[in-house]
Amino acid sequence: MEQEQANNCDYLICKLEYTLDDLENCFNAVADEKKTKMNVVGSIFSFGFSLTKLTLNVAGCAIKNTPKAIVAVAAAKREIVTDLENGWNEYQIEQKEDALNEKIKQLILKE
């Protein structure tokens, strides 16, 4: 699973780099006065296409890994709730012991 996540991340990073390269080319085309309007439009279209592909890949990766994330969150939640319940139970036991010890002290002092 960890290897698959690394592959997904590597793939997304590669797509992001490709998209950023297209963005750079787009800026260069806009800034270059020698480029024709068709070259500028083409570079903008190329960037838009790369950005769309990146968005679809990220969405696909998120959808693919959502069940794993939900299971991990649920497990973490269960662990936290269990720890809180255990802590609360220990606190209640300590409070009862303290109350009993206080009653014992009061009974000893009365005698």
Protein backbone atom coordinates (compact mmCIF):
# COMPACT_ATOMS: atom_id res chain seq x y z
CA MET A 1 0.00 0.00 0.00
CA GLU A 2 2.81 2.41 0.90
CA GLN A 3 4.58 1.67 -2.40
CA GLU A 4 1.35 2.34 -4.29
CA GLN A 5 0.93 5.69 -2.52
CA ALA A 6 4.51 6.61 -3.38
CA ASN A 7 3.85 5.73 -7.02
CA ASN A 8 0.68 7.83 -6.98
CA CYS A 9 2.55 10.77 -5.47
CA ASP A 10 5.42 10.43 -7.94
CA TYR A 11 2.96 10.32 -10.82
CA LEU A 12 1.13 13.41 -9.57
CA ILE A 13 4.40 15.28 -9.04
CA CYS A 14 5.44 14.42 -12.59
CA LYS A 15 2.11 15.71 -13.90
CA LEU A 16 2.49 18.86 -11.80
CA GLU A 17 5.96 19.49 -13.19
CA TYR A 18 4.63 19.02 -16.72
CA THR A 19 1.81 21.48 -16.02
CA LEU A 20 4.22 24.04 -14.56
CA ASP A 21 6.43 23.67 -17.64
CA ASP A 22 3.38 24.40 -19.80
CA LEU A 23 2.61 27.44 -17.65
CA GLU A 24 6.17 28.68 -18.10
CA ASN A 25 5.90 28.18 -21.86
CA CYS A 26 2.62 30.08 -21.81
CA PHE A 27 4.21 33.05 -20.01
CA ASN A 28 7.18 32.97 -22.38
CA ALA A 29 4.86 32.96 -25.39
CA VAL A 30 2.87 35.90 -24.04
CA ALA A 31 6.03 37.88 -23.22
CA ASP A 32 7.76 37.14 -26.52
CA GLU A 33 6.74 39.81 -29.04
CA LYS A 34 7.92 37.65 -31.96
CA LYS A 35 5.34 34.93 -31.22
CA THR A 36 2.14 35.03 -33.20
CA LYS A 37 -1.26 35.12 -31.58
CA MET A 38 -1.78 31.50 -32.61
CA ASN A 39 1.39 30.49 -30.76
CA VAL A 40 0.14 32.29 -27.65
CA VAL A 41 -3.32 30.72 -27.92
CA GLY A 42 -1.71 27.32 -28.49
CA SER A 43 0.47 27.63 -25.40
CA ILE A 44 -2.54 28.78 -23.32
CA PHE A 45 -4.55 25.82 -24.63
CA SER A 46 -1.66 23.47 -23.83
CA PHE A 47 -1.46 24.80 -20.28
CA GLY A 48 -5.23 24.48 -19.83
CA PHE A 49 -5.14 20.92 -21.11
CA SER A 50 -2.26 20.02 -18.76
CA LEU A 51 -4.05 21.65 -15.83
CA THR A 52 -7.23 19.73 -16.62
CA LYS A 53 -5.34 16.42 -16.80
CA LEU A 54 -3.61 17.19 -13.51
CA THR A 55 -6.93 18.00 -11.86
CA LEU A 56 -8.50 14.78 -13.11
CA ASN A 57 -5.49 12.74 -11.94
CA VAL A 58 -5.58 14.34 -8.48
CA ALA A 59 -9.34 13.75 -8.24
CA GLY A 60 -8.89 10.14 -9.34
CA CYS A 61 -6.15 9.59 -6.79
CA ALA A 62 -8.29 11.15 -4.06
CA ILE A 63 -11.27 8.97 -4.97
CA LYS A 64 -9.07 5.88 -5.16
CA ASN A 65 -7.55 6.51 -1.72
CA THR A 66 -10.68 7.80 0.05
CA PRO A 67 -11.71 4.38 1.44
CA LYS A 68 -8.24 3.92 2.93
CA ALA A 69 -8.37 7.38 4.47
CA ILE A 70 -11.84 6.75 5.92
CA VAL A 71 -10.70 3.49 7.50
CA ALA A 72 -7.61 5.19 8.95
CA VAL A 73 -9.67 8.04 10.39
CA ALA A 74 -12.20 5.61 11.86
CA ALA A 75 -9.42 3.59 13.48
CA ALA A 76 -7.86 6.73 14.94
CA LYS A 77 -11.27 7.85 16.22
CA ARG A 78 -11.87 4.47 17.88
CA GLU A 79 -8.47 4.64 19.54
CA ILE A 80 -9.08 8.16 20.83
CA VAL A 81 -12.55 7.26 22.14
CA THR A 82 -11.18 4.15 23.85
CA ASP A 83 -8.40 6.17 25.49
CA LEU A 84 -10.91 8.78 26.66
CA GLU A 85 -13.24 6.12 28.06
CA ASN A 86 -10.36 4.43 29.89
CA GLY A 87 -9.20 7.76 31.30
CA TRP A 88 -12.73 8.65 32.41
CA ASN A 89 -13.20 5.24 34.08
CA GLU A 90 -9.88 5.60 35.92
CA TYR A 91 -10.87 9.10 37.05
CA GLN A 92 -14.21 7.83 38.39
CA ILE A 93 -12.48 5.01 40.25
CA GLU A 94 -9.99 7.46 41.79
CA GLN A 95 -12.86 9.75 42.83
CA LYS A 96 -14.70 6.85 44.51
CA GLU A 97 -11.50 5.73 46.28
CA ASP A 98 -10.86 9.28 47.48
CA ALA A 99 -14.45 9.56 48.75
CA LEU A 100 -14.15 6.23 50.57
CA ASN A 101 -10.80 7.23 52.09
CA GLU A 102 -12.34 10.52 53.26
CA LYS A 103 -15.25 8.66 54.89
CA ILE A 104 -12.79 6.29 56.58
CA LYS A 105 -10.81 9.25 57.94
CA GLN A 106 -14.01 10.88 59.23
CA LEU A 107 -15.08 7.64 60.95
CA ILE A 108 -11.63 7.22 62.53
CA LEU A 109 -11.67 10.82 63.81
CA LYS A 110 -15.15 10.36 65.36
CA GLU A 111 -13.98 7.45 67.50
